[in-house]
Every structure is written in structure tokens, then in C-alpha cells.
Amino acid sequence: MKLFPGWIGVFVLAVAARAEEPAMTMKAVKGKGFPKLAAETATYAIKTDVDANTLWQVATILEDLHRGFVTEFKDQVKADGKSAGKERLQVRFYKTQKSFSAGMAAAMPPGMGPGGPGGGPPGGGPGGFYDPGSRTLHTCLEQPGGDDWKFVLGHEGTHQLLHNRLGIGGGQPGMSSAIWFNEGFASYWAMSFWKGKELVTGGVQKKLLDEFKSMKSSKSLLKLKDLIGGAPNPMAMRAYYSMGWALCHFLRHSAHREKFAAYLEKERDGKISWEEFKGAFGIEDEAKFEKEFVKHVMSLK
């Protein structure tokens, strides 16, 4: 369905024939500055200064992301309060880096960057963040470093779903939940999509795969024991993103997949040590597990 500029008032968009198109209400917001439009779907409340066509894309991506998440993890979705979906998830989607920066400055505590200390992924700079305090997703159409805004939206949207649907990632990074998992799984799930009625997962994020291979070539990959069980380290953000994504891919697309749910429970309970990780996946030979992990990732294209 296409929308065109020049409309006034409220549009009620019916559910279309394609399952991924959400029902949505949209209205203009009076006043200067951000936002220009406000929209609601079954799951999300979105404020933005982009055009109506782009807003429709944002809503569709988020609803598809949410539908896949609650379908895949339906047995673990929390059934209390905000986590049960009784309140719409809040989204602020900005047109430019200037408007995004203003929104980021207003939302984040002094000294904090997107996602906590250390800022965003390597090579791109902050192009989005999820604020667990207000449970609000902030991201931008105009991305730094040439990043795909749709991928960044999916990444930050996954942070929001982990917190609001599984109770993961709402506390102190590296203390109540693991940084490698939050950043890695956010990139992993952002690559999921619907093919008709089938949810497809395991897409390869080329930028992160290239980063992983570069780290292997330079012999700078972290030992998994340090990635998973080490103290939070702002200097290790490169590994948290690329190795975190790679590890989530390995765990979900190998013999360890069936035990992934057990690890989600560990994350929810803040049991994120190396020993807890090994217990969740039944790892007895650490060297063998690490070798299998690297082999799996290096075979991806």
C-alpha cells in the first residue's frame, strides 16, 4: 500500500492481503520541530519527522520483527504488565542525524552513549539506541558510516523486544545481562524475515562477518571464556558486536540450538558467567566447542 504527501487528518489503514502489512492509524502532529507524524499499530506507538511512506515501512518492519519474535519464543514471553504487550512499544524515528542527536541528548543520562558506555558498533557510530529506562527505541533514517537504516531499526528493535518480552537487557550492561549476547542477538535477529508464512532466521550480516574474519586473520579474536565471562570492557566492543553475532548464529544453527532456550533463562536471571554458559549448553570440552564455533563462522558467506 502506498501513501502520498499532502494528506490531512487521520488515516485508518486496514489490514492488507499481505500478512506483513499492519493495521495502522496515522495523524499529523501540530507544532514545529519533531515530531511531524504519529502512528499506532497493534504493538507500536511511533513518532517521527519522516514522510508517510517511510513511516509505513518502519511500522511494517517493526511489526514483522515482533511477530517473528513472539512466535519463536512464545513459551518464554513474560506474561506480566508491560512485557505482556498491554502497552504499545514506544518508538522515535528521526529523519536526520541532527534531529536524532537532539533526541538522543534529551533521552540519555550524561556520560552515556547508545546501548551504554562505549557507544554503538565499530565503524558506524551511533545510529540508534534503545533506552530501557523509558522503554523507548530511538533510531534514524540518515545513518552514519553507510549503515542500512532498516538493519539498525531491526537491531535496536530487538533490544526493545528482549527487554519488554523476555525481561532481558533492562539493567546494567554486563551485570544483569551479557553485553555480547545483547549486541550479538540484536544483530542476529535483525536479519530475520518472513517468507510467506515461514519465519526465516540465520541471515548473514556481511559487515559483522567481515569483521570476524578480519579479527581471526589478525589473531585478535577473544577467547570465548573472556568474551562471555570477562568483566565488561569498553575496549572490547568490536568483539561484543561481531563475535556476539557470530556466536548467536552458531548456537542457533548447530547442534546447540535445542539448548538455546535454557540460556535465555540464564540471561533473564542474570546468570551470565562462563560457568553458567557452559552449563546451559552442556560444554565439557572448551577447546572443541571453540574450534567448532570458529569453523561454523568461517564457513558462512
C-alpha atoms as a PDB file:
ATOM      1  CA  MET A   1       0.000   0.000   0.000  1.00  0.00           C
ATOM      2  CA  LYS A   2       1.338   3.478  -0.892  1.00  0.00           C
ATOM      3  CA  LEU A   3       0.714   6.758   0.878  1.00  0.00           C
ATOM      4  CA  PHE A   4       1.316  10.158  -0.651  1.00  0.00           C
ATOM      5  CA  PRO A   5       2.213  13.550   0.848  1.00  0.00           C
ATOM      6  CA  GLY A   6      -0.396  16.278   1.145  1.00  0.00           C
ATOM      7  CA  TRP A   7      -2.888  14.371   3.294  1.00  0.00           C
ATOM      8  CA  ILE A   8      -4.528  15.918   6.352  1.00  0.00           C
ATOM      9  CA  GLY A   9      -6.157  14.274   9.334  1.00  0.00           C
ATOM     10  CA  VAL A  10      -6.259  10.643  10.411  1.00  0.00           C
ATOM     11  CA  PHE A  11      -5.924   7.621   8.151  1.00  0.00           C
ATOM     12  CA  VAL A  12      -7.035   4.175   9.243  1.00  0.00           C
ATOM     13  CA  LEU A  13      -5.181   1.633   7.165  1.00  0.00           C
ATOM     14  CA  ALA A  14      -6.925  -1.735   7.009  1.00  0.00           C
ATOM     15  CA  VAL A  15      -5.024  -4.988   7.128  1.00  0.00           C
ATOM     16  CA  ALA A  16      -3.987  -5.688   3.562  1.00  0.00           C
ATOM     17  CA  ALA A  17      -3.748  -9.003   1.762  1.00  0.00           C
ATOM     18  CA  ARG A  18      -0.026  -9.342   2.560  1.00  0.00           C
ATOM     19  CA  ALA A  19       0.324 -10.601   6.127  1.00  0.00           C
ATOM     20  CA  GLU A  20       3.272  -8.324   6.865  1.00  0.00           C
ATOM     21  CA  GLU A  21       1.279  -5.132   6.367  1.00  0.00           C
ATOM     22  CA  PRO A  22      -0.033  -3.972   9.751  1.00  0.00           C
ATOM     23  CA  ALA A  23      -3.233  -2.140  10.522  1.00  0.00           C
ATOM     24  CA  MET A  24      -2.189   1.389  11.407  1.00  0.00           C
ATOM     25  CA  THR A  25      -3.665   4.746  12.372  1.00  0.00           C
ATOM     26  CA  MET A  26      -1.701   7.836  11.437  1.00  0.00           C
ATOM     27  CA  LYS A  27      -2.135  11.546  12.152  1.00  0.00           C
ATOM     28  CA  ALA A  28      -0.296  14.826  11.728  1.00  0.00           C
ATOM     29  CA  VAL A  29       1.203  16.418  14.844  1.00  0.00           C
ATOM     30  CA  LYS A  30       0.739  20.154  15.251  1.00  0.00           C
ATOM     31  CA  GLY A  31       3.652  22.410  16.109  1.00  0.00           C
ATOM     32  CA  LYS A  32       7.212  22.988  14.935  1.00  0.00           C
ATOM     33  CA  GLY A  33      10.082  20.553  15.115  1.00  0.00           C
ATOM     34  CA  PHE A  34       9.917  16.876  15.999  1.00  0.00           C
ATOM     35  CA  PRO A  35       7.581  15.012  15.545  1.00  0.00           C
ATOM     36  CA  LYS A  36       5.581  15.656  12.393  1.00  0.00           C
ATOM     37  CA  LEU A  37       3.599  12.398  12.365  1.00  0.00           C
ATOM     38  CA  ALA A  38       2.322   9.964  14.976  1.00  0.00           C
ATOM     39  CA  ALA A  39       1.140   6.433  14.243  1.00  0.00           C
ATOM     40  CA  GLU A  40      -0.136   3.427  16.143  1.00  0.00           C
ATOM     41  CA  THR A  41      -0.162  -0.228  15.165  1.00  0.00           C
ATOM     42  CA  ALA A  42      -1.285  -3.165  17.279  1.00  0.00           C
ATOM     43  CA  THR A  43       2.116  -3.241  19.001  1.00  0.00           C
ATOM     44  CA  TYR A  44       3.853   0.096  18.469  1.00  0.00           C
ATOM     45  CA  ALA A  45       3.357   3.835  19.014  1.00  0.00           C
ATOM     46  CA  ILE A  46       5.658   5.710  16.633  1.00  0.00           C
ATOM     47  CA  LYS A  47       6.544   9.411  16.491  1.00  0.00           C
ATOM     48  CA  THR A  48       8.594  10.674  13.568  1.00  0.00           C
ATOM     49  CA  ASP A  49       9.530  13.504  11.229  1.00  0.00           C
ATOM     50  CA  VAL A  50       9.864  11.332   8.097  1.00  0.00           C
ATOM     51  CA  ASP A  51       7.294  11.151   5.297  1.00  0.00           C
ATOM     52  CA  ALA A  52       4.262   8.867   5.425  1.00  0.00           C
ATOM     53  CA  ASN A  53       5.703   6.277   3.025  1.00  0.00           C
ATOM     54  CA  THR A  54       8.818   5.827   5.163  1.00  0.00           C
ATOM     55  CA  LEU A  55       6.719   5.674   8.322  1.00  0.00           C
ATOM     56  CA  TRP A  56       4.738   2.838   6.754  1.00  0.00           C
ATOM     57  CA  GLN A  57       7.994   0.943   6.115  1.00  0.00           C
ATOM     58  CA  VAL A  58       9.112   1.498   9.715  1.00  0.00           C
ATOM     59  CA  ALA A  59       5.831   0.179  11.097  1.00  0.00           C
ATOM     60  CA  THR A  60       5.886  -2.853   8.811  1.00  0.00           C
ATOM     61  CA  ILE A  61       9.469  -3.781   9.737  1.00  0.00           C
ATOM     62  CA  LEU A  62       8.746  -3.496  13.446  1.00  0.00           C
ATOM     63  CA  GLU A  63       5.526  -5.478  13.355  1.00  0.00           C
ATOM     64  CA  ASP A  64       7.206  -8.250  11.347  1.00  0.00           C
ATOM     65  CA  LEU A  65      10.113  -8.253  13.812  1.00  0.00           C
ATOM     66  CA  HIS A  66       7.728  -8.500  16.764  1.00  0.00           C
ATOM     67  CA  ARG A  67       5.551 -11.178  15.157  1.00  0.00           C
ATOM     68  CA  GLY A  68       8.564 -13.346  14.488  1.00  0.00           C
ATOM     69  CA  PHE A  69       9.956 -12.848  17.984  1.00  0.00           C
ATOM     70  CA  VAL A  70       6.804 -13.750  19.886  1.00  0.00           C
ATOM     71  CA  THR A  71       6.195 -16.681  17.528  1.00  0.00           C
ATOM     72  CA  GLU A  72       9.693 -18.101  18.001  1.00  0.00           C
ATOM     73  CA  PHE A  73       9.886 -17.518  21.762  1.00  0.00           C
ATOM     74  CA  LYS A  74       6.213 -17.836  22.679  1.00  0.00           C
ATOM     75  CA  ASP A  75       6.914 -20.246  25.531  1.00  0.00           C
ATOM     76  CA  GLN A  76       9.197 -17.735  27.225  1.00  0.00           C
ATOM     77  CA  VAL A  77       7.411 -14.429  26.679  1.00  0.00           C
ATOM     78  CA  LYS A  78       6.701 -12.898  30.045  1.00  0.00           C
ATOM     79  CA  ALA A  79       3.046 -12.587  30.982  1.00  0.00           C
ATOM     80  CA  ASP A  80       3.117  -9.594  33.284  1.00  0.00           C
ATOM     81  CA  GLY A  81       2.497  -5.888  32.834  1.00  0.00           C
ATOM     82  CA  LYS A  82       4.397  -4.156  30.065  1.00  0.00           C
ATOM     83  CA  SER A  83       6.077  -7.385  28.991  1.00  0.00           C
ATOM     84  CA  ALA A  84       2.730  -8.893  28.070  1.00  0.00           C
ATOM     85  CA  GLY A  85       2.110  -6.326  25.350  1.00  0.00           C
ATOM     86  CA  LYS A  86      -0.611  -4.428  27.201  1.00  0.00           C
ATOM     87  CA  GLU A  87       1.126  -1.141  26.393  1.00  0.00           C
ATOM     88  CA  ARG A  88       2.349  -0.183  22.938  1.00  0.00           C
ATOM     89  CA  LEU A  89       6.110  -0.164  22.494  1.00  0.00           C
ATOM     90  CA  GLN A  90       7.402   3.375  22.077  1.00  0.00           C
ATOM     91  CA  VAL A  91       9.443   4.370  19.020  1.00  0.00           C
ATOM     92  CA  ARG A  92      11.058   7.643  17.941  1.00  0.00           C
ATOM     93  CA  PHE A  93      12.222   7.543  14.339  1.00  0.00           C
ATOM     94  CA  TYR A  94      14.200  10.567  13.139  1.00  0.00           C
ATOM     95  CA  LYS A  95      14.810  11.771   9.599  1.00  0.00           C
ATOM     96  CA  THR A  96      18.257  13.308  10.064  1.00  0.00           C
ATOM     97  CA  GLN A  97      21.286  12.850  12.270  1.00  0.00           C
ATOM     98  CA  LYS A  98      20.638  16.342  13.619  1.00  0.00           C
ATOM     99  CA  SER A  99      17.154  15.523  14.885  1.00  0.00           C
ATOM    100  CA  PHE A 100      18.354  12.119  16.130  1.00  0.00           C
ATOM    101  CA  SER A 101      21.223  13.711  18.061  1.00  0.00           C
ATOM    102  CA  ALA A 102      18.807  16.126  19.721  1.00  0.00           C
ATOM    103  CA  GLY A 103      16.521  13.259  20.695  1.00  0.00           C
ATOM    104  CA  MET A 104      19.462  11.195  21.936  1.00  0.00           C
ATOM    105  CA  ALA A 105      20.798  14.047  24.061  1.00  0.00           C
ATOM    106  CA  ALA A 106      17.400  14.557  25.655  1.00  0.00           C
ATOM    107  CA  ALA A 107      16.881  10.865  26.393  1.00  0.00           C
ATOM    108  CA  MET A 108      20.275   9.628  27.613  1.00  0.00           C
ATOM    109  CA  PRO A 109      21.805  10.320  31.026  1.00  0.00           C
ATOM    110  CA  PRO A 110      25.031  12.407  30.989  1.00  0.00           C
ATOM    111  CA  GLY A 111      28.094  10.371  30.006  1.00  0.00           C
ATOM    112  CA  MET A 112      26.121   7.511  28.454  1.00  0.00           C
ATOM    113  CA  GLY A 113      26.145   6.530  24.810  1.00  0.00           C
ATOM    114  CA  PRO A 114      23.691   4.401  22.833  1.00  0.00           C
ATOM    115  CA  GLY A 115      23.463   0.993  24.453  1.00  0.00           C
ATOM    116  CA  GLY A 116      25.521   2.114  27.465  1.00  0.00           C
ATOM    117  CA  PRO A 117      29.191   3.002  27.884  1.00  0.00           C
ATOM    118  CA  GLY A 118      31.158   2.581  24.678  1.00  0.00           C
ATOM    119  CA  GLY A 119      28.535   3.742  22.195  1.00  0.00           C
ATOM    120  CA  GLY A 120      27.481   1.936  19.042  1.00  0.00           C
ATOM    121  CA  PRO A 121      29.061  -0.700  16.803  1.00  0.00           C
ATOM    122  CA  PRO A 122      32.587  -0.224  15.414  1.00  0.00           C
ATOM    123  CA  GLY A 123      32.932   1.703  12.178  1.00  0.00           C
ATOM    124  CA  GLY A 124      29.489   3.260  12.138  1.00  0.00           C
ATOM    125  CA  GLY A 125      28.979   5.463  15.156  1.00  0.00           C
ATOM    126  CA  PRO A 126      25.659   5.845  16.934  1.00  0.00           C
ATOM    127  CA  GLY A 127      22.747   5.488  14.570  1.00  0.00           C
ATOM    128  CA  GLY A 128      20.224   4.247  17.097  1.00  0.00           C
ATOM    129  CA  PHE A 129      19.720   3.171  20.675  1.00  0.00           C
ATOM    130  CA  TYR A 130      17.184   1.609  22.983  1.00  0.00           C
ATOM    131  CA  ASP A 131      16.617   3.356  26.327  1.00  0.00           C
ATOM    132  CA  PRO A 132      15.466   0.753  28.873  1.00  0.00           C
ATOM    133  CA  GLY A 133      14.501   3.441  31.401  1.00  0.00           C
ATOM    134  CA  SER A 134      11.726   4.814  29.197  1.00  0.00           C
ATOM    135  CA  ARG A 135      11.425   1.576  27.186  1.00  0.00           C
ATOM    136  CA  THR A 136      11.772   3.701  24.045  1.00  0.00           C
ATOM    137  CA  LEU A 137      13.555   2.896  20.784  1.00  0.00           C
ATOM    138  CA  HIS A 138      15.334   5.793  19.038  1.00  0.00           C
ATOM    139  CA  THR A 139      16.831   5.461  15.559  1.00  0.00           C
ATOM    140  CA  CYS A 140      17.363   7.372  12.367  1.00  0.00           C
ATOM    141  CA  LEU A 141      16.821   7.281   8.600  1.00  0.00           C
ATOM    142  CA  GLU A 142      20.134   9.059   7.940  1.00  0.00           C
ATOM    143  CA  GLN A 143      22.718   6.556   9.177  1.00  0.00           C
ATOM    144  CA  PRO A 144      26.431   7.269   9.732  1.00  0.00           C
ATOM    145  CA  GLY A 145      29.056   5.021   8.188  1.00  0.00           C
ATOM    146  CA  GLY A 146      26.787   3.878   5.379  1.00  0.00           C
ATOM    147  CA  ASP A 147      24.795   1.533   7.594  1.00  0.00           C
ATOM    148  CA  ASP A 148      21.390   0.294   6.432  1.00  0.00           C
ATOM    149  CA  TRP A 149      18.696   2.075   8.449  1.00  0.00           C
ATOM    150  CA  LYS A 150      16.421  -0.970   8.196  1.00  0.00           C
ATOM    151  CA  PHE A 151      19.064  -3.198   9.792  1.00  0.00           C
ATOM    152  CA  VAL A 152      19.719  -0.659  12.555  1.00  0.00           C
ATOM    153  CA  LEU A 153      15.978  -0.397  13.185  1.00  0.00           C
ATOM    154  CA  GLY A 154      15.795  -4.186  13.495  1.00  0.00           C
ATOM    155  CA  HIS A 155      18.846  -4.273  15.778  1.00  0.00           C
ATOM    156  CA  GLU A 156      17.511  -1.648  18.183  1.00  0.00           C
ATOM    157  CA  GLY A 157      14.016  -3.095  17.894  1.00  0.00           C
ATOM    158  CA  THR A 158      15.387  -6.446  19.063  1.00  0.00           C
ATOM    159  CA  HIS A 159      16.904  -4.803  22.149  1.00  0.00           C
ATOM    160  CA  GLN A 160      13.418  -3.486  22.873  1.00  0.00           C
ATOM    161  CA  LEU A 161      11.842  -6.924  22.407  1.00  0.00           C
ATOM    162  CA  LEU A 162      14.423  -8.682  24.570  1.00  0.00           C
ATOM    163  CA  HIS A 163      13.640  -6.263  27.389  1.00  0.00           C
ATOM    164  CA  ASN A 164       9.870  -5.988  27.002  1.00  0.00           C
ATOM    165  CA  ARG A 165       9.027  -9.548  26.001  1.00  0.00           C
ATOM    166  CA  LEU A 166      11.717 -11.633  27.719  1.00  0.00           C
ATOM    167  CA  GLY A 167      12.900  -9.372  30.543  1.00  0.00           C
ATOM    168  CA  ILE A 168      16.494  -9.344  29.240  1.00  0.00           C
ATOM    169  CA  GLY A 169      18.741  -6.302  28.907  1.00  0.00           C
ATOM    170  CA  GLY A 170      16.966  -3.760  31.076  1.00  0.00           C
ATOM    171  CA  GLY A 171      19.652  -3.365  33.721  1.00  0.00           C
ATOM    172  CA  GLN A 172      23.340  -2.593  33.941  1.00  0.00           C
ATOM    173  CA  PRO A 173      25.183  -3.813  30.794  1.00  0.00           C
ATOM    174  CA  GLY A 174      27.473  -6.694  31.631  1.00  0.00           C
ATOM    175  CA  MET A 175      25.997  -7.146  35.098  1.00  0.00           C
ATOM    176  CA  SER A 176      22.322  -8.110  34.791  1.00  0.00           C
ATOM    177  CA  SER A 177      22.724  -9.445  31.237  1.00  0.00           C
ATOM    178  CA  ALA A 178      25.678 -10.053  28.937  1.00  0.00           C
ATOM    179  CA  ILE A 179      26.859  -7.371  26.506  1.00  0.00           C
ATOM    180  CA  TRP A 180      27.967  -9.939  23.907  1.00  0.00           C
ATOM    181  CA  PHE A 181      24.517 -11.542  23.952  1.00  0.00           C
ATOM    182  CA  ASN A 182      22.501  -8.324  23.833  1.00  0.00           C
ATOM    183  CA  GLU A 183      24.504  -6.867  20.936  1.00  0.00           C
ATOM    184  CA  GLY A 184      25.063 -10.179  19.174  1.00  0.00           C
ATOM    185  CA  PHE A 185      21.472 -11.364  19.318  1.00  0.00           C
ATOM    186  CA  ALA A 186      20.179  -7.922  18.306  1.00  0.00           C
ATOM    187  CA  SER A 187      22.182  -8.178  15.069  1.00  0.00           C
ATOM    188  CA  TYR A 188      21.257 -11.833  14.597  1.00  0.00           C
ATOM    189  CA  TRP A 189      17.500 -11.277  14.980  1.00  0.00           C
ATOM    190  CA  ALA A 190      17.573  -8.127  12.834  1.00  0.00           C
ATOM    191  CA  MET A 191      18.351 -10.410   9.872  1.00  0.00           C
ATOM    192  CA  SER A 192      15.169 -12.475  10.340  1.00  0.00           C
ATOM    193  CA  PHE A 193      12.313 -12.085   7.852  1.00  0.00           C
ATOM    194  CA  TRP A 194       9.025 -13.633   6.786  1.00  0.00           C
ATOM    195  CA  LYS A 195       8.806 -15.644   3.577  1.00  0.00           C
ATOM    196  CA  GLY A 196       5.069 -16.009   3.232  1.00  0.00           C
ATOM    197  CA  LYS A 197       4.004 -17.748   6.429  1.00  0.00           C
ATOM    198  CA  GLU A 198       7.511 -19.031   7.164  1.00  0.00           C
ATOM    199  CA  LEU A 199       9.879 -17.234   9.524  1.00  0.00           C
ATOM    200  CA  VAL A 200      13.428 -17.326   8.146  1.00  0.00           C
ATOM    201  CA  THR A 201      16.359 -16.787  10.530  1.00  0.00           C
ATOM    202  CA  GLY A 202      20.118 -17.036  10.216  1.00  0.00           C
ATOM    203  CA  GLY A 203      20.785 -14.415   7.565  1.00  0.00           C
ATOM    204  CA  VAL A 204      24.416 -13.320   7.381  1.00  0.00           C
ATOM    205  CA  GLN A 205      25.298  -9.758   8.372  1.00  0.00           C
ATOM    206  CA  LYS A 206      28.189  -9.170   5.971  1.00  0.00           C
ATOM    207  CA  LYS A 207      29.780  -6.283   7.839  1.00  0.00           C
ATOM    208  CA  LEU A 208      29.995  -8.312  11.047  1.00  0.00           C
ATOM    209  CA  LEU A 209      31.137 -11.461   9.244  1.00  0.00           C
ATOM    210  CA  ASP A 210      33.922  -9.499   7.537  1.00  0.00           C
ATOM    211  CA  GLU A 211      34.891  -8.056  10.911  1.00  0.00           C
ATOM    212  CA  PHE A 212      35.028 -11.530  12.463  1.00  0.00           C
ATOM    213  CA  LYS A 213      37.208 -12.861   9.642  1.00  0.00           C
ATOM    214  CA  SER A 214      39.482  -9.836   9.918  1.00  0.00           C
ATOM    215  CA  MET A 215      39.889 -10.449  13.645  1.00  0.00           C
ATOM    216  CA  LYS A 216      40.693 -14.102  13.010  1.00  0.00           C
ATOM    217  CA  SER A 217      43.241 -13.179  10.354  1.00  0.00           C
ATOM    218  CA  SER A 218      44.931 -10.736  12.738  1.00  0.00           C
ATOM    219  CA  LYS A 219      44.700 -13.272  15.592  1.00  0.00           C
ATOM    220  CA  SER A 220      42.683 -10.815  17.682  1.00  0.00           C
ATOM    221  CA  LEU A 221      39.609 -12.981  18.343  1.00  0.00           C
ATOM    222  CA  LEU A 222      38.844 -13.157  22.039  1.00  0.00           C
ATOM    223  CA  LYS A 223      38.752 -16.482  23.796  1.00  0.00           C
ATOM    224  CA  LEU A 224      35.106 -17.324  24.424  1.00  0.00           C
ATOM    225  CA  LYS A 225      35.809 -17.528  28.130  1.00  0.00           C
ATOM    226  CA  ASP A 226      36.878 -13.858  28.023  1.00  0.00           C
ATOM    227  CA  LEU A 227      34.098 -12.756  25.660  1.00  0.00           C
ATOM    228  CA  ILE A 228      31.412 -14.368  27.793  1.00  0.00           C
ATOM    229  CA  GLY A 229      32.754 -14.376  31.320  1.00  0.00           C
ATOM    230  CA  GLY A 230      35.147 -11.448  31.398  1.00  0.00           C
ATOM    231  CA  ALA A 231      34.416  -8.133  33.086  1.00  0.00           C
ATOM    232  CA  PRO A 232      32.671  -5.578  30.806  1.00  0.00           C
ATOM    233  CA  ASN A 233      35.326  -3.848  28.733  1.00  0.00           C
ATOM    234  CA  PRO A 234      34.583  -0.759  26.576  1.00  0.00           C
ATOM    235  CA  MET A 235      37.690  -1.611  24.544  1.00  0.00           C
ATOM    236  CA  ALA A 236      36.123  -4.942  23.535  1.00  0.00           C
ATOM    237  CA  MET A 237      33.065  -3.503  21.763  1.00  0.00           C
ATOM    238  CA  ARG A 238      34.432  -4.736  18.432  1.00  0.00           C
ATOM    239  CA  ALA A 239      34.248  -8.300  19.740  1.00  0.00           C
ATOM    240  CA  TYR A 240      30.927  -7.854  21.546  1.00  0.00           C
ATOM    241  CA  TYR A 241      29.267  -6.960  18.232  1.00  0.00           C
ATOM    242  CA  SER A 242      30.996  -9.195  15.681  1.00  0.00           C
ATOM    243  CA  MET A 243      31.798 -12.220  17.852  1.00  0.00           C
ATOM    244  CA  GLY A 244      28.498 -11.843  19.689  1.00  0.00           C
ATOM    245  CA  TRP A 245      26.562 -12.010  16.427  1.00  0.00           C
ATOM    246  CA  ALA A 246      28.680 -14.945  15.245  1.00  0.00           C
ATOM    247  CA  LEU A 247      28.193 -16.874  18.485  1.00  0.00           C
ATOM    248  CA  CYS A 248      24.407 -16.395  18.408  1.00  0.00           C
ATOM    249  CA  HIS A 249      24.400 -17.638  14.808  1.00  0.00           C
ATOM    250  CA  PHE A 250      26.435 -20.700  15.794  1.00  0.00           C
ATOM    251  CA  LEU A 251      24.247 -21.519  18.791  1.00  0.00           C
ATOM    252  CA  ARG A 252      21.035 -21.203  16.794  1.00  0.00           C
ATOM    253  CA  HIS A 253      22.236 -23.114  13.714  1.00  0.00           C
ATOM    254  CA  SER A 254      24.124 -26.057  15.141  1.00  0.00           C
ATOM    255  CA  ALA A 255      23.549 -28.984  17.462  1.00  0.00           C
ATOM    256  CA  HIS A 256      23.296 -26.494  20.329  1.00  0.00           C
ATOM    257  CA  ARG A 257      20.025 -24.954  19.081  1.00  0.00           C
ATOM    258  CA  GLU A 258      17.773 -27.040  21.328  1.00  0.00           C
ATOM    259  CA  LYS A 259      19.522 -25.704  24.424  1.00  0.00           C
ATOM    260  CA  PHE A 260      19.304 -22.053  23.392  1.00  0.00           C
ATOM    261  CA  ALA A 261      16.100 -21.545  25.379  1.00  0.00           C
ATOM    262  CA  ALA A 262      17.901 -22.662  28.536  1.00  0.00           C
ATOM    263  CA  TYR A 263      20.464 -19.935  28.020  1.00  0.00           C
ATOM    264  CA  LEU A 264      17.742 -17.323  27.566  1.00  0.00           C
ATOM    265  CA  GLU A 265      16.549 -18.231  31.052  1.00  0.00           C
ATOM    266  CA  LYS A 266      20.094 -17.703  32.355  1.00  0.00           C
ATOM    267  CA  GLU A 267      20.210 -14.275  30.731  1.00  0.00           C
ATOM    268  CA  ARG A 268      16.855 -13.360  32.200  1.00  0.00           C
ATOM    269  CA  ASP A 269      18.067 -14.317  35.687  1.00  0.00           C
ATOM    270  CA  GLY A 270      21.408 -12.531  35.328  1.00  0.00           C
ATOM    271  CA  LYS A 271      23.367 -15.798  35.447  1.00  0.00           C
ATOM    272  CA  ILE A 272      25.854 -14.818  32.757  1.00  0.00           C
ATOM    273  CA  SER A 273      29.180 -16.253  33.885  1.00  0.00           C
ATOM    274  CA  TRP A 274      31.277 -18.577  31.732  1.00  0.00           C
ATOM    275  CA  GLU A 275      30.377 -21.469  34.003  1.00  0.00           C
ATOM    276  CA  GLU A 276      26.649 -20.733  33.636  1.00  0.00           C
ATOM    277  CA  PHE A 277      27.082 -20.586  29.863  1.00  0.00           C
ATOM    278  CA  LYS A 278      28.879 -23.938  29.788  1.00  0.00           C
ATOM    279  CA  GLY A 279      26.195 -25.482  31.956  1.00  0.00           C
ATOM    280  CA  ALA A 280      23.366 -24.233  29.756  1.00  0.00           C
ATOM    281  CA  PHE A 281      24.906 -25.761  26.631  1.00  0.00           C
ATOM    282  CA  GLY A 282      26.448 -28.822  28.238  1.00  0.00           C
ATOM    283  CA  ILE A 283      30.002 -27.885  27.205  1.00  0.00           C
ATOM    284  CA  GLU A 284      32.606 -30.303  28.552  1.00  0.00           C
ATOM    285  CA  ASP A 285      35.468 -29.765  26.099  1.00  0.00           C
ATOM    286  CA  GLU A 286      36.012 -25.993  25.848  1.00  0.00           C
ATOM    287  CA  ALA A 287      38.664 -26.220  23.118  1.00  0.00           C
ATOM    288  CA  LYS A 288      36.460 -28.430  20.938  1.00  0.00           C
ATOM    289  CA  PHE A 289      33.482 -26.096  21.350  1.00  0.00           C
ATOM    290  CA  GLU A 290      35.593 -23.081  20.418  1.00  0.00           C
ATOM    291  CA  LYS A 291      37.008 -24.850  17.368  1.00  0.00           C
ATOM    292  CA  GLU A 292      33.511 -25.807  16.181  1.00  0.00           C
ATOM    293  CA  PHE A 293      32.363 -22.223  16.672  1.00  0.00           C
ATOM    294  CA  VAL A 294      35.150 -20.714  14.570  1.00  0.00           C
ATOM    295  CA  LYS A 295      34.714 -23.359  11.857  1.00  0.00           C
ATOM    296  CA  HIS A 296      30.981 -22.624  11.648  1.00  0.00           C
ATOM    297  CA  VAL A 297      31.506 -18.886  11.272  1.00  0.00           C
ATOM    298  CA  MET A 298      34.326 -19.188   8.741  1.00  0.00           C
ATOM    299  CA  SER A 299      32.042 -21.329   6.544  1.00  0.00           C
ATOM    300  CA  LEU A 300      29.426 -18.578   6.313  1.00  0.00           C
ATOM    301  CA  LYS A 301      29.168 -16.451   3.186  1.00  0.00           C
END
